[in-house]
């Protein structure tokens, strides 16, 4: 529970907001890469 409270406090700072955007972008990019169609896949 303490971790969640620390995280919400960090997100209230400008640095925390930038960090959250970076993490979300990385997760989004990773998911797109993992689920992308591969050229060798069967059609």
Protein backbone atom coordinates (compact mmCIF):
# COMPACT_ATOMS: atom_id res chain seq x y z
CA UNK A 1 0.00 0.00 0.00
CA UNK A 2 2.85 2.37 0.79
CA UNK A 3 4.25 1.90 -2.71
CA UNK A 4 0.95 3.01 -4.25
CA UNK A 5 0.80 6.11 -2.07
CA UNK A 6 4.40 7.00 -2.95
CA UNK A 7 3.60 6.50 -6.62
CA UNK A 8 0.58 8.80 -6.52
CA UNK A 9 2.63 11.46 -4.74
CA UNK A 10 5.36 11.17 -7.39
CA UNK A 11 2.80 11.50 -10.20
CA UNK A 12 1.73 14.89 -8.80
CA UNK A 13 5.15 16.36 -9.64
CA UNK A 14 6.11 17.50 -13.16
CA UNK A 15 8.93 14.93 -13.26
CA UNK A 16 6.48 12.21 -12.27
CA UNK A 17 4.12 13.21 -15.07
CA UNK A 18 6.93 13.06 -17.64
CA UNK A 19 8.04 9.70 -16.25
CA UNK A 20 4.50 8.34 -16.47
CA UNK A 21 4.21 9.43 -20.12
CA UNK A 22 7.56 7.80 -20.93
CA UNK A 23 6.58 4.54 -19.23
CA UNK A 24 3.20 4.48 -20.98
CA UNK A 25 4.88 5.13 -24.35
CA UNK A 26 7.38 2.32 -23.75
CA UNK A 27 4.64 -0.14 -22.78
CA UNK A 28 2.57 0.89 -25.81
CA UNK A 29 5.56 0.46 -28.14
CA UNK A 30 6.41 -2.92 -26.64
CA UNK A 31 2.83 -4.16 -27.03
CA UNK A 32 2.66 -2.96 -30.65
CA UNK A 33 5.98 -4.70 -31.37
CA UNK A 34 4.92 -7.95 -29.70
CA UNK A 35 1.54 -8.13 -31.45
CA UNK A 36 2.69 -6.84 -34.86
CA UNK A 37 2.19 -9.10 -37.84
CA UNK A 38 5.41 -10.77 -38.87
CA UNK A 39 6.24 -11.03 -42.61
CA UNK A 40 6.83 -14.79 -42.28
CA UNK A 41 3.45 -15.45 -40.67
CA UNK A 42 0.89 -17.51 -42.55
CA UNK A 43 -1.77 -15.45 -44.24
